[in-house]
Full PDB file with SEQRES, HELIX, SHEET, SSBOND, CRYST1, ORIGX, SCALE, CONECT and MASTER records, all heavy atoms in Angstrom:
SEQRES   1 A   44  ALA MET LEU VAL GLY PHE PHE PHE GLU ILE THR GLY LEU          
SEQRES   2 A   44  GLN LEU ALA ILE SER ALA GLY PHE VAL LEU PHE SER SER          
SEQRES   3 A   44  ALA CYS ILE LEU TYR GLN THR SER ALA ILE ILE HIS GLY          
SEQRES   4 A   44  GLY GLU ARG ASN TYR                                          
HELIX    1 AA1 MET A    2  PHE A    7  1                                   6    
HELIX    2 AA2 LEU A   13  ILE A   37  1                                  25    
CRYST1    1.000    1.000    1.000  90.00  90.00  90.00 P 1           1          
ORIGX1      1.000000  0.000000  0.000000        0.00000                         
ORIGX2      0.000000  1.000000  0.000000        0.00000                         
ORIGX3      0.000000  0.000000  1.000000        0.00000                         
SCALE1      1.000000  0.000000  0.000000        0.00000                         
SCALE2      0.000000  1.000000  0.000000        0.00000                         
SCALE3      0.000000  0.000000  1.000000        0.00000                         
ATOM      1  N   ALA A   1      93.049 100.350 106.472  1.00  0.00           N  
ATOM      2  CA  ALA A   1      91.793 101.007 106.122  1.00  0.00           C  
ATOM      3  C   ALA A   1      90.930  99.975 105.205  1.00  0.00           C  
ATOM      4  O   ALA A   1      89.662  99.934 105.393  1.00  0.00           O  
ATOM      5  CB  ALA A   1      92.020 102.288 105.300  1.00  0.00           C  
ATOM      6  N   MET A   2      91.612  99.229 104.483  1.00  0.00           N  
ATOM      7  CA  MET A   2      90.934  98.290 103.549  1.00  0.00           C  
ATOM      8  C   MET A   2      90.285  97.121 104.469  1.00  0.00           C  
ATOM      9  O   MET A   2      89.228  96.664 104.166  1.00  0.00           O  
ATOM     10  CB  MET A   2      91.929  97.617 102.524  1.00  0.00           C  
ATOM     11  CG  MET A   2      92.319  98.646 101.475  1.00  0.00           C  
ATOM     12  SD  MET A   2      93.636  97.999 100.316  1.00  0.00           S  
ATOM     13  CE  MET A   2      92.724  96.617  99.513  1.00  0.00           C  
ATOM     14  N   LEU A   3      91.016  96.716 105.453  1.00  0.00           N  
ATOM     15  CA  LEU A   3      90.476  95.704 106.318  1.00  0.00           C  
ATOM     16  C   LEU A   3      89.314  96.241 107.154  1.00  0.00           C  
ATOM     17  O   LEU A   3      88.276  95.555 107.267  1.00  0.00           O  
ATOM     18  CB  LEU A   3      91.529  95.201 107.361  1.00  0.00           C  
ATOM     19  CG  LEU A   3      92.680  94.439 106.788  1.00  0.00           C  
ATOM     20  CD1 LEU A   3      93.805  94.133 107.815  1.00  0.00           C  
ATOM     21  CD2 LEU A   3      92.196  93.111 106.270  1.00  0.00           C  
ATOM     22  N   VAL A   4      89.444  97.407 107.560  1.00  0.00           N  
ATOM     23  CA  VAL A   4      88.213  98.049 108.244  1.00  0.00           C  
ATOM     24  C   VAL A   4      86.989  98.199 107.319  1.00  0.00           C  
ATOM     25  O   VAL A   4      85.867  97.879 107.695  1.00  0.00           O  
ATOM     26  CB  VAL A   4      88.596  99.489 108.792  1.00  0.00           C  
ATOM     27  CG1 VAL A   4      87.368 100.188 109.351  1.00  0.00           C  
ATOM     28  CG2 VAL A   4      89.623  99.410 109.854  1.00  0.00           C  
ATOM     29  N   GLY A   5      87.242  98.623 106.022  1.00  0.00           N  
ATOM     30  CA  GLY A   5      86.209  98.723 105.125  1.00  0.00           C  
ATOM     31  C   GLY A   5      85.651  97.395 104.721  1.00  0.00           C  
ATOM     32  O   GLY A   5      84.378  97.338 104.384  1.00  0.00           O  
ATOM     33  N   PHE A   6      86.280  96.371 104.873  1.00  0.00           N  
ATOM     34  CA  PHE A   6      85.838  94.987 104.555  1.00  0.00           C  
ATOM     35  C   PHE A   6      84.822  94.496 105.613  1.00  0.00           C  
ATOM     36  O   PHE A   6      83.827  93.831 105.295  1.00  0.00           O  
ATOM     37  CB  PHE A   6      86.984  94.033 104.542  1.00  0.00           C  
ATOM     38  CG  PHE A   6      86.640  92.598 104.057  1.00  0.00           C  
ATOM     39  CD1 PHE A   6      86.376  92.296 102.739  1.00  0.00           C  
ATOM     40  CD2 PHE A   6      86.507  91.627 105.031  1.00  0.00           C  
ATOM     41  CE1 PHE A   6      85.933  91.066 102.412  1.00  0.00           C  
ATOM     42  CE2 PHE A   6      86.142  90.312 104.681  1.00  0.00           C  
ATOM     43  CZ  PHE A   6      85.869  90.002 103.391  1.00  0.00           C  
ATOM     44  N   PHE A   7      85.122  94.918 106.837  1.00  0.00           N  
ATOM     45  CA  PHE A   7      84.253  94.476 108.004  1.00  0.00           C  
ATOM     46  C   PHE A   7      83.100  95.436 108.321  1.00  0.00           C  
ATOM     47  O   PHE A   7      82.143  95.038 108.903  1.00  0.00           O  
ATOM     48  CB  PHE A   7      85.087  94.108 109.201  1.00  0.00           C  
ATOM     49  CG  PHE A   7      86.001  92.884 108.997  1.00  0.00           C  
ATOM     50  CD1 PHE A   7      87.295  93.028 108.805  1.00  0.00           C  
ATOM     51  CD2 PHE A   7      85.361  91.613 109.041  1.00  0.00           C  
ATOM     52  CE1 PHE A   7      88.117  91.929 108.602  1.00  0.00           C  
ATOM     53  CE2 PHE A   7      86.150  90.436 108.820  1.00  0.00           C  
ATOM     54  CZ  PHE A   7      87.581  90.658 108.599  1.00  0.00           C  
ATOM     55  N   PHE A   8      83.429  96.744 108.206  1.00  0.00           N  
ATOM     56  CA  PHE A   8      82.416  97.710 108.555  1.00  0.00           C  
ATOM     57  C   PHE A   8      82.146  98.669 107.403  1.00  0.00           C  
ATOM     58  O   PHE A   8      82.986  99.039 106.552  1.00  0.00           O  
ATOM     59  CB  PHE A   8      83.030  98.530 109.657  1.00  0.00           C  
ATOM     60  CG  PHE A   8      83.436  97.760 110.868  1.00  0.00           C  
ATOM     61  CD1 PHE A   8      84.783  97.449 110.984  1.00  0.00           C  
ATOM     62  CD2 PHE A   8      82.552  97.314 111.782  1.00  0.00           C  
ATOM     63  CE1 PHE A   8      85.176  96.694 112.117  1.00  0.00           C  
ATOM     64  CE2 PHE A   8      82.900  96.592 112.924  1.00  0.00           C  
ATOM     65  CZ  PHE A   8      84.319  96.305 113.081  1.00  0.00           C  
ATOM     66  N   GLU A   9      80.840  99.045 107.276  1.00  0.00           N  
ATOM     67  CA  GLU A   9      80.452 100.023 106.282  1.00  0.00           C  
ATOM     68  C   GLU A   9      80.489 101.412 106.865  1.00  0.00           C  
ATOM     69  O   GLU A   9      79.658 101.808 107.587  1.00  0.00           O  
ATOM     70  CB  GLU A   9      78.984  99.728 105.784  1.00  0.00           C  
ATOM     71  CG  GLU A   9      78.923  98.357 105.051  1.00  0.00           C  
ATOM     72  CD  GLU A   9      77.495  98.248 104.415  1.00  0.00           C  
ATOM     73  OE1 GLU A   9      76.669  99.143 104.498  1.00  0.00           O  
ATOM     74  OE2 GLU A   9      77.219  97.160 103.911  1.00  0.00           O  
ATOM     75  N   ILE A  10      81.507 102.177 106.477  1.00  0.00           N  
ATOM     76  CA  ILE A  10      81.809 103.414 107.045  1.00  0.00           C  
ATOM     77  C   ILE A  10      81.626 104.469 105.867  1.00  0.00           C  
ATOM     78  O   ILE A  10      82.306 104.291 104.853  1.00  0.00           O  
ATOM     79  CB  ILE A  10      83.168 103.630 107.705  1.00  0.00           C  
ATOM     80  CG1 ILE A  10      83.230 102.655 108.854  1.00  0.00           C  
ATOM     81  CG2 ILE A  10      83.379 105.035 108.212  1.00  0.00           C  
ATOM     82  CD1 ILE A  10      84.544 102.741 109.478  1.00  0.00           C  
ATOM     83  N   THR A  11      80.753 105.429 106.048  1.00  0.00           N  
ATOM     84  CA  THR A  11      80.514 106.426 104.937  1.00  0.00           C  
ATOM     85  C   THR A  11      81.796 107.235 104.624  1.00  0.00           C  
ATOM     86  O   THR A  11      82.421 107.802 105.582  1.00  0.00           O  
ATOM     87  CB  THR A  11      79.413 107.389 105.397  1.00  0.00           C  
ATOM     88  OG1 THR A  11      78.133 106.707 105.640  1.00  0.00           O  
ATOM     89  CG2 THR A  11      79.103 108.368 104.229  1.00  0.00           C  
ATOM     90  N   GLY A  12      82.089 107.336 103.385  1.00  0.00           N  
ATOM     91  CA  GLY A  12      83.303 108.030 103.025  1.00  0.00           C  
ATOM     92  C   GLY A  12      84.583 107.367 103.121  1.00  0.00           C  
ATOM     93  O   GLY A  12      85.593 107.843 102.601  1.00  0.00           O  
ATOM     94  N   LEU A  13      84.590 106.159 103.657  1.00  0.00           N  
ATOM     95  CA  LEU A  13      85.968 105.463 103.757  1.00  0.00           C  
ATOM     96  C   LEU A  13      86.461 105.017 102.463  1.00  0.00           C  
ATOM     97  O   LEU A  13      87.674 105.083 102.223  1.00  0.00           O  
ATOM     98  CB  LEU A  13      85.718 104.230 104.690  1.00  0.00           C  
ATOM     99  CG  LEU A  13      86.989 103.355 104.940  1.00  0.00           C  
ATOM    100  CD1 LEU A  13      88.110 104.205 105.585  1.00  0.00           C  
ATOM    101  CD2 LEU A  13      86.698 102.123 105.834  1.00  0.00           C  
ATOM    102  N   GLN A  14      85.551 104.521 101.530  1.00  0.00           N  
ATOM    103  CA  GLN A  14      86.022 104.117 100.172  1.00  0.00           C  
ATOM    104  C   GLN A  14      86.608 105.350  99.482  1.00  0.00           C  
ATOM    105  O   GLN A  14      87.648 105.207  98.751  1.00  0.00           O  
ATOM    106  CB  GLN A  14      84.915 103.487  99.394  1.00  0.00           C  
ATOM    107  CG  GLN A  14      85.256 102.946  98.041  1.00  0.00           C  
ATOM    108  CD  GLN A  14      86.393 101.809  98.241  1.00  0.00           C  
ATOM    109  OE1 GLN A  14      86.181 100.900  98.991  1.00  0.00           O  
ATOM    110  NE2 GLN A  14      87.430 102.042  97.403  1.00  0.00           N  
ATOM    111  N   LEU A  15      86.047 106.442  99.579  1.00  0.00           N  
ATOM    112  CA  LEU A  15      86.483 107.708  98.973  1.00  0.00           C  
ATOM    113  C   LEU A  15      87.905 108.034  99.512  1.00  0.00           C  
ATOM    114  O   LEU A  15      88.821 108.356  98.768  1.00  0.00           O  
ATOM    115  CB  LEU A  15      85.560 108.842  99.262  1.00  0.00           C  
ATOM    116  CG  LEU A  15      85.880 110.163  98.598  1.00  0.00           C  
ATOM    117  CD1 LEU A  15      85.879 110.087  97.040  1.00  0.00           C  
ATOM    118  CD2 LEU A  15      84.991 111.249  99.055  1.00  0.00           C  
ATOM    119  N   ALA A  16      88.065 107.906 100.856  1.00  0.00           N  
ATOM    120  CA  ALA A  16      89.400 108.152 101.454  1.00  0.00           C  
ATOM    121  C   ALA A  16      90.432 107.136 101.064  1.00  0.00           C  
ATOM    122  O   ALA A  16      91.609 107.574 100.780  1.00  0.00           O  
ATOM    123  CB  ALA A  16      89.240 108.201 103.040  1.00  0.00           C  
ATOM    124  N   ILE A  17      90.016 105.902 100.857  1.00  0.00           N  
ATOM    125  CA  ILE A  17      90.950 104.920 100.469  1.00  0.00           C  
ATOM    126  C   ILE A  17      91.475 105.146  99.106  1.00  0.00           C  
ATOM    127  O   ILE A  17      92.628 105.026  98.762  1.00  0.00           O  
ATOM    128  CB  ILE A  17      90.322 103.499 100.601  1.00  0.00           C  
ATOM    129  CG1 ILE A  17      90.123 103.106 102.093  1.00  0.00           C  
ATOM    130  CG2 ILE A  17      91.256 102.404  99.935  1.00  0.00           C  
ATOM    131  CD1 ILE A  17      89.418 101.738 102.266  1.00  0.00           C  
ATOM    132  N   SER A  18      90.466 105.481  98.173  1.00  0.00           N  
ATOM    133  CA  SER A  18      90.887 105.804  96.791  1.00  0.00           C  
ATOM    134  C   SER A  18      91.740 106.941  96.646  1.00  0.00           C  
ATOM    135  O   SER A  18      92.684 106.950  95.955  1.00  0.00           O  
ATOM    136  CB  SER A  18      89.491 105.981  96.006  1.00  0.00           C  
ATOM    137  OG  SER A  18      88.718 104.792  96.003  1.00  0.00           O  
ATOM    138  N   ALA A  19      91.442 107.991  97.425  1.00  0.00           N  
ATOM    139  CA  ALA A  19      92.277 109.230  97.428  1.00  0.00           C  
ATOM    140  C   ALA A  19      93.735 108.825  97.981  1.00  0.00           C  
ATOM    141  O   ALA A  19      94.712 109.322  97.475  1.00  0.00           O  
ATOM    142  CB  ALA A  19      91.748 110.289  98.269  1.00  0.00           C  
ATOM    143  N   GLY A  20      93.677 107.997  99.017  1.00  0.00           N  
ATOM    144  CA  GLY A  20      94.993 107.555  99.613  1.00  0.00           C  
ATOM    145  C   GLY A  20      95.823 106.791  98.596  1.00  0.00           C  
ATOM    146  O   GLY A  20      97.026 106.976  98.485  1.00  0.00           O  
ATOM    147  N   PHE A  21      95.167 105.949  97.797  1.00  0.00           N  
ATOM    148  CA  PHE A  21      95.904 105.205  96.837  1.00  0.00           C  
ATOM    149  C   PHE A  21      96.450 106.104  95.641  1.00  0.00           C  
ATOM    150  O   PHE A  21      97.406 105.776  95.037  1.00  0.00           O  
ATOM    151  CB  PHE A  21      95.073 104.085  96.178  1.00  0.00           C  
ATOM    152  CG  PHE A  21      95.198 102.824  96.811  1.00  0.00           C  
ATOM    153  CD1 PHE A  21      94.326 102.180  97.714  1.00  0.00           C  
ATOM    154  CD2 PHE A  21      96.423 102.029  96.580  1.00  0.00           C  
ATOM    155  CE1 PHE A  21      94.569 100.892  98.320  1.00  0.00           C  
ATOM    156  CE2 PHE A  21      96.639 100.831  97.170  1.00  0.00           C  
ATOM    157  CZ  PHE A  21      95.673 100.235  98.068  1.00  0.00           C  
ATOM    158  N   VAL A  22      95.764 107.146  95.327  1.00  0.00           N  
ATOM    159  CA  VAL A  22      96.253 108.095  94.424  1.00  0.00           C  
ATOM    160  C   VAL A  22      97.540 108.738  94.837  1.00  0.00           C  
ATOM    161  O   VAL A  22      98.529 108.669  94.099  1.00  0.00           O  
ATOM    162  CB  VAL A  22      95.181 109.200  93.987  1.00  0.00           C  
ATOM    163  CG1 VAL A  22      95.767 110.286  93.228  1.00  0.00           C  
ATOM    164  CG2 VAL A  22      93.922 108.576  93.370  1.00  0.00           C  
ATOM    165  N   LEU A  23      97.550 109.151  96.077  1.00  0.00           N  
ATOM    166  CA  LEU A  23      98.812 109.707  96.665  1.00  0.00           C  
ATOM    167  C   LEU A  23      99.860 108.715  96.804  1.00  0.00           C  
ATOM    168  O   LEU A  23     101.042 108.939  96.431  1.00  0.00           O  
ATOM    169  CB  LEU A  23      98.447 110.354  98.049  1.00  0.00           C  
ATOM    170  CG  LEU A  23      97.533 111.571  98.067  1.00  0.00           C  
ATOM    171  CD1 LEU A  23      97.213 111.962  99.517  1.00  0.00           C  
ATOM    172  CD2 LEU A  23      98.150 112.697  97.239  1.00  0.00           C  
ATOM    173  N   PHE A  24      99.490 107.479  97.220  1.00  0.00           N  
ATOM    174  CA  PHE A  24     100.517 106.402  97.349  1.00  0.00           C  
ATOM    175  C   PHE A  24     101.045 106.034  96.094  1.00  0.00           C  
ATOM    176  O   PHE A  24     102.323 105.912  95.960  1.00  0.00           O  
ATOM    177  CB  PHE A  24      99.747 105.186  97.989  1.00  0.00           C  
ATOM    178  CG  PHE A  24     100.609 104.034  98.152  1.00  0.00           C  
ATOM    179  CD1 PHE A  24     101.520 103.932  99.186  1.00  0.00           C  
ATOM    180  CD2 PHE A  24     100.477 102.911  97.265  1.00  0.00           C  
ATOM    181  CE1 PHE A  24     102.399 102.728  99.332  1.00  0.00           C  
ATOM    182  CE2 PHE A  24     101.331 101.806  97.454  1.00  0.00           C  
ATOM    183  CZ  PHE A  24     102.224 101.695  98.520  1.00  0.00           C  
ATOM    184  N   SER A  25     100.262 105.810  95.039  1.00  0.00           N  
ATOM    185  CA  SER A  25     100.850 105.529  93.709  1.00  0.00           C  
ATOM    186  C   SER A  25     101.686 106.540  93.099  1.00  0.00           C  
ATOM    187  O   SER A  25     102.659 106.308  92.465  1.00  0.00           O  
ATOM    188  CB  SER A  25      99.606 105.221  92.750  1.00  0.00           C  
ATOM    189  OG  SER A  25      98.825 104.120  93.201  1.00  0.00           O  
ATOM    190  N   SER A  26     101.311 107.856  93.372  1.00  0.00           N  
ATOM    191  CA  SER A  26     102.123 108.944  92.810  1.00  0.00           C  
ATOM    192  C   SER A  26     103.440 109.019  93.521  1.00  0.00           C  
ATOM    193  O   SER A  26     104.479 109.180  92.863  1.00  0.00           O  
ATOM    194  CB  SER A  26     101.365 110.267  93.117  1.00  0.00           C  
ATOM    195  OG  SER A  26     100.110 110.346  92.426  1.00  0.00           O  
ATOM    196  N   ALA A  27     103.467 108.738  94.832  1.00  0.00           N  
ATOM    197  CA  ALA A  27     104.748 108.649  95.610  1.00  0.00           C  
ATOM    198  C   ALA A  27     105.599 107.500  95.028  1.00  0.00           C  
ATOM    199  O   ALA A  27     106.775 107.693  94.949  1.00  0.00           O  
ATOM    200  CB  ALA A  27     104.463 108.512  97.071  1.00  0.00           C  
ATOM    201  N   CYS A  28     104.963 106.492  94.730  1.00  0.00           N  
ATOM    202  CA  CYS A  28     105.726 105.251  94.224  1.00  0.00           C  
ATOM    203  C   CYS A  28     106.426 105.610  92.828  1.00  0.00           C  
ATOM    204  O   CYS A  28     107.563 105.217  92.614  1.00  0.00           O  
ATOM    205  CB  CYS A  28     104.803 104.059  94.143  1.00  0.00           C  
ATOM    206  SG  CYS A  28     104.390 103.239  95.750  1.00  0.00           S  
ATOM    207  N   ILE A  29     105.605 106.295  92.078  1.00  0.00           N  
ATOM    208  CA  ILE A  29     106.175 106.646  90.704  1.00  0.00           C  
ATOM    209  C   ILE A  29     107.403 107.615  90.909  1.00  0.00           C  
ATOM    210  O   ILE A  29     108.439 107.390  90.234  1.00  0.00           O  
ATOM    211  CB  ILE A  29     105.087 107.423  89.879  1.00  0.00           C  
ATOM    212  CG1 ILE A  29     104.052 106.365  89.475  1.00  0.00           C  
ATOM    213  CG2 ILE A  29     105.735 108.023  88.629  1.00  0.00           C  
ATOM    214  CD1 ILE A  29     102.826 106.979  88.863  1.00  0.00           C  
ATOM    215  N   LEU A  30     107.258 108.523  91.778  1.00  0.00           N  
ATOM    216  CA  LEU A  30     108.452 109.437  92.070  1.00  0.00           C  
ATOM    217  C   LEU A  30     109.642 108.637  92.622  1.00  0.00           C  
ATOM    218  O   LEU A  30     110.774 108.820  92.155  1.00  0.00           O  
ATOM    219  CB  LEU A  30     108.029 110.475  93.092  1.00  0.00           C  
ATOM    220  CG  LEU A  30     107.085 111.565  92.647  1.00  0.00           C  
ATOM    221  CD1 LEU A  30     106.535 112.450  93.795  1.00  0.00           C  
ATOM    222  CD2 LEU A  30     107.803 112.489  91.586  1.00  0.00           C  
ATOM    223  N   TYR A  31     109.342 107.728  93.562  1.00  0.00           N  
ATOM    224  CA  TYR A  31     110.401 107.003  94.178  1.00  0.00           C  
ATOM    225  C   TYR A  31     111.059 106.051  93.290  1.00  0.00           C  
ATOM    226  O   TYR A  31     112.390 105.950  93.161  1.00  0.00           O  
ATOM    227  CB  TYR A  31     109.859 106.150  95.362  1.00  0.00           C  
ATOM    228  CG  TYR A  31     110.749 105.340  96.077  1.00  0.00           C  
ATOM    229  CD1 TYR A  31     111.523 105.959  97.193  1.00  0.00           C  
ATOM    230  CD2 TYR A  31     110.879 104.033  95.893  1.00  0.00           C  
ATOM    231  CE1 TYR A  31     112.474 105.114  97.825  1.00  0.00           C  
ATOM    232  CE2 TYR A  31     111.793 103.221  96.540  1.00  0.00           C  
ATOM    233  CZ  TYR A  31     112.572 103.775  97.534  1.00  0.00           C  
ATOM    234  OH  TYR A  31     113.481 102.959  98.324  1.00  0.00           O  
ATOM    235  N   GLN A  32     110.336 105.387  92.407  1.00  0.00           N  
ATOM    236  CA  GLN A  32     110.727 104.321  91.491  1.00  0.00           C  
ATOM    237  C   GLN A  32     111.639 104.941  90.375  1.00  0.00           C  
ATOM    238  O   GLN A  32     112.696 104.513  89.971  1.00  0.00           O  
ATOM    239  CB  GLN A  32     109.705 103.503  90.872  1.00  0.00           C  
ATOM    240  CG  GLN A  32     109.115 102.557  91.910  1.00  0.00           C  
ATOM    241  CD  GLN A  32     107.639 102.214  91.570  1.00  0.00           C  
ATOM    242  OE1 GLN A  32     106.981 102.709  90.661  1.00  0.00           O  
ATOM    243  NE2 GLN A  32     107.122 101.240  92.348  1.00  0.00           N  
ATOM    244  N   THR A  33     111.125 106.119  89.828  1.00  0.00           N  
ATOM    245  CA  THR A  33     111.931 106.817  88.808  1.00  0.00           C  
ATOM    246  C   THR A  33     113.193 107.357  89.260  1.00  0.00           C  
ATOM    247  O   THR A  33     114.222 107.335  88.685  1.00  0.00           O  
ATOM    248  CB  THR A  33     111.077 107.969  88.195  1.00  0.00           C  
ATOM    249  OG1 THR A  33     109.715 107.417  87.865  1.00  0.00           O  
ATOM    250  CG2 THR A  33     111.708 108.703  87.103  1.00  0.00           C  
ATOM    251  N   SER A  34     113.133 107.897  90.485  1.00  0.00           N  
ATOM    252  CA  SER A  34     114.330 108.386  91.145  1.00  0.00           C  
ATOM    253  C   SER A  34     115.348 107.313  91.430  1.00  0.00           C  
ATOM    254  O   SER A  34     116.546 107.530  91.203  1.00  0.00           O  
ATOM    255  CB  SER A  34     113.991 109.023  92.519  1.00  0.00           C  
ATOM    256  OG  SER A  34     115.064 109.482  93.228  1.00  0.00           O  
ATOM    257  N   ALA A  35     114.857 106.104  91.795  1.00  0.00           N  
ATOM    258  CA  ALA A  35     115.839 105.038  92.074  1.00  0.00           C  
ATOM    259  C   ALA A  35     116.449 104.540  90.792  1.00  0.00           C  
ATOM    260  O   ALA A  35     117.680 104.236  90.797  1.00  0.00           O  
ATOM    261  CB  ALA A  35     115.026 103.777  92.544  1.00  0.00           C  
ATOM    262  N   ILE A  36     115.905 104.694  89.643  1.00  0.00           N  
ATOM    263  CA  ILE A  36     116.476 104.333  88.325  1.00  0.00           C  
ATOM    264  C   ILE A  36     117.733 105.381  88.068  1.00  0.00           C  
ATOM    265  O   ILE A  36     118.813 104.970  87.773  1.00  0.00           O  
ATOM    266  CB  ILE A  36     115.528 104.339  87.214  1.00  0.00           C  
ATOM    267  CG1 ILE A  36     114.473 103.294  87.446  1.00  0.00           C  
ATOM    268  CG2 ILE A  36     116.267 104.089  85.857  1.00  0.00           C  
ATOM    269  CD1 ILE A  36     113.375 103.255  86.402  1.00  0.00           C  
ATOM    270  N   ILE A  37     117.367 106.638  88.123  1.00  0.00           N  
ATOM    271  CA  ILE A  37     118.361 107.735  87.726  1.00  0.00           C  
ATOM    272  C   ILE A  37     119.385 107.898  88.731  1.00  0.00           C  
ATOM    273  O   ILE A  37     120.532 108.456  88.406  1.00  0.00           O  
ATOM    274  CB  ILE A  37     117.657 109.042  87.394  1.00  0.00           C  
ATOM    275  CG1 ILE A  37     117.042 109.705  88.611  1.00  0.00           C  
ATOM    276  CG2 ILE A  37     116.599 108.832  86.379  1.00  0.00           C  
ATOM    277  CD1 ILE A  37     116.495 111.121  88.390  1.00  0.00           C  
ATOM    278  N   HIS A  38     119.244 107.455  89.955  1.00  0.00           N  
ATOM    279  CA  HIS A  38     120.278 107.555  90.949  1.00  0.00           C  
ATOM    280  C   HIS A  38     120.968 106.263  91.219  1.00  0.00           C  
ATOM    281  O   HIS A  38     121.734 106.102  92.175  1.00  0.00           O  
ATOM    282  CB  HIS A  38     119.791 108.127  92.326  1.00  0.00           C  
ATOM    283  CG  HIS A  38     119.372 109.552  92.194  1.00  0.00           C  
ATOM    284  ND1 HIS A  38     120.255 110.559  92.064  1.00  0.00           N  
ATOM    285  CD2 HIS A  38     118.228 110.203  92.058  1.00  0.00           C  
ATOM    286  CE1 HIS A  38     119.663 111.694  91.954  1.00  0.00           C  
ATOM    287  NE2 HIS A  38     118.427 111.490  91.943  1.00  0.00           N  
ATOM    288  N   GLY A  39     120.749 105.182  90.362  1.00  0.00           N  
ATOM    289  CA  GLY A  39     121.456 103.970  90.443  1.00  0.00           C  
ATOM    290  C   GLY A  39     120.934 102.957  91.474  1.00  0.00           C  
ATOM    291  O   GLY A  39     121.596 101.935  91.681  1.00  0.00           O  
ATOM    292  N   GLY A  40     119.829 103.335  92.157  1.00  0.00           N  
ATOM    293  CA  GLY A  40     119.320 102.399  93.073  1.00  0.00           C  
ATOM    294  C   GLY A  40     118.552 101.222  92.567  1.00  0.00           C  
ATOM    295  O   GLY A  40     118.406 100.224  93.295  1.00  0.00           O  
ATOM    296  N   GLU A  41     118.158 101.319  91.244  1.00  0.00           N  
ATOM    297  CA  GLU A  41     117.499 100.180  90.574  1.00  0.00           C  
ATOM    298  C   GLU A  41     118.181  99.974  89.287  1.00  0.00           C  
ATOM    299  O   GLU A  41     118.149 100.893  88.359  1.00  0.00           O  
ATOM    300  CB  GLU A  41     116.041 100.560  90.298  1.00  0.00           C  
ATOM    301  CG  GLU A  41     115.223  99.495  89.607  1.00  0.00           C  
ATOM    302  CD  GLU A  41     115.264  98.106  90.273  1.00  0.00           C  
ATOM    303  OE1 GLU A  41     114.434  97.964  91.202  1.00  0.00           O  
ATOM    304  OE2 GLU A  41     116.142  97.272  89.882  1.00  0.00           O  
ATOM    305  N   ARG A  42     118.925  98.846  89.139  1.00  0.00           N  
ATOM    306  CA  ARG A  42     119.750  98.599  87.950  1.00  0.00           C  
ATOM    307  C   ARG A  42     118.941  97.466  87.057  1.00  0.00           C  
ATOM    308  O   ARG A  42     119.573  97.173  86.008  1.00  0.00           O  
ATOM    309  CB  ARG A  42     121.087  98.202  88.262  1.00  0.00           C  
ATOM    310  CG  ARG A  42     121.919  99.242  89.017  1.00  0.00           C  
ATOM    311  CD  ARG A  42     122.100 100.431  87.909  1.00  0.00           C  
ATOM    312  NE  ARG A  42     122.875 101.473  88.517  1.00  0.00           N  
ATOM    313  CZ  ARG A  42     124.275 101.566  88.335  1.00  0.00           C  
ATOM    314  NH1 ARG A  42     124.914 100.640  87.657  1.00  0.00           N  
ATOM    315  NH2 ARG A  42     124.886 102.573  88.857  1.00  0.00           N  
ATOM    316  N   ASN A  43     117.971  96.911  87.553  1.00  0.00           N  
ATOM    317  CA  ASN A  43     117.256  95.787  86.760  1.00  0.00           C  
ATOM    318  C   ASN A  43     116.063  96.410  86.115  1.00  0.00           C  
ATOM    319  O   ASN A  43     115.063  96.794  86.811  1.00  0.00           O  
ATOM    320  CB  ASN A  43     116.929  94.726  87.735  1.00  0.00           C  
ATOM    321  CG  ASN A  43     116.308  93.539  86.934  1.00  0.00           C  
ATOM    322  OD1 ASN A  43     115.208  93.466  86.477  1.00  0.00           O  
ATOM    323  ND2 ASN A  43     117.249  92.508  86.653  1.00  0.00           N  
ATOM    324  N   TYR A  44     115.986  96.513  84.793  1.00  0.00           N  
ATOM    325  CA  TYR A  44     114.910  97.183  84.120  1.00  0.00           C  
ATOM    326  C   TYR A  44     113.567  96.341  84.191  1.00  0.00           C  
ATOM    327  O   TYR A  44     112.489  96.932  84.027  1.00  0.00           O  
ATOM    328  CB  TYR A  44     115.339  97.509  82.667  1.00  0.00           C  
ATOM    329  CG  TYR A  44     115.294  96.272  81.735  1.00  0.00           C  
ATOM    330  CD1 TYR A  44     114.244  95.879  80.951  1.00  0.00           C  
ATOM    331  CD2 TYR A  44     116.471  95.461  81.629  1.00  0.00           C  
ATOM    332  CE1 TYR A  44     114.316  94.815  80.065  1.00  0.00           C  
ATOM    333  CE2 TYR A  44     116.534  94.394  80.748  1.00  0.00           C  
ATOM    334  CZ  TYR A  44     115.380  94.010  80.073  1.00  0.00           C  
ATOM    335  OH  TYR A  44     115.515  93.004  79.147  1.00  0.00           O  
TER     336      TYR A  44                                                      
MASTER        0    0    0    2    0    0    0    6  335    1    0    4          
END                                                                             
């Protein structure tokens, strides 16, 4: 989506990308925290 947005001006694409990154970052926080408490990540 970022590559498409770089070459083409599509209305609402930036809004969709930002919203997507909010969901993506939230999922990463859940995943990374879970990895710590379940022993998947031992390096602080």
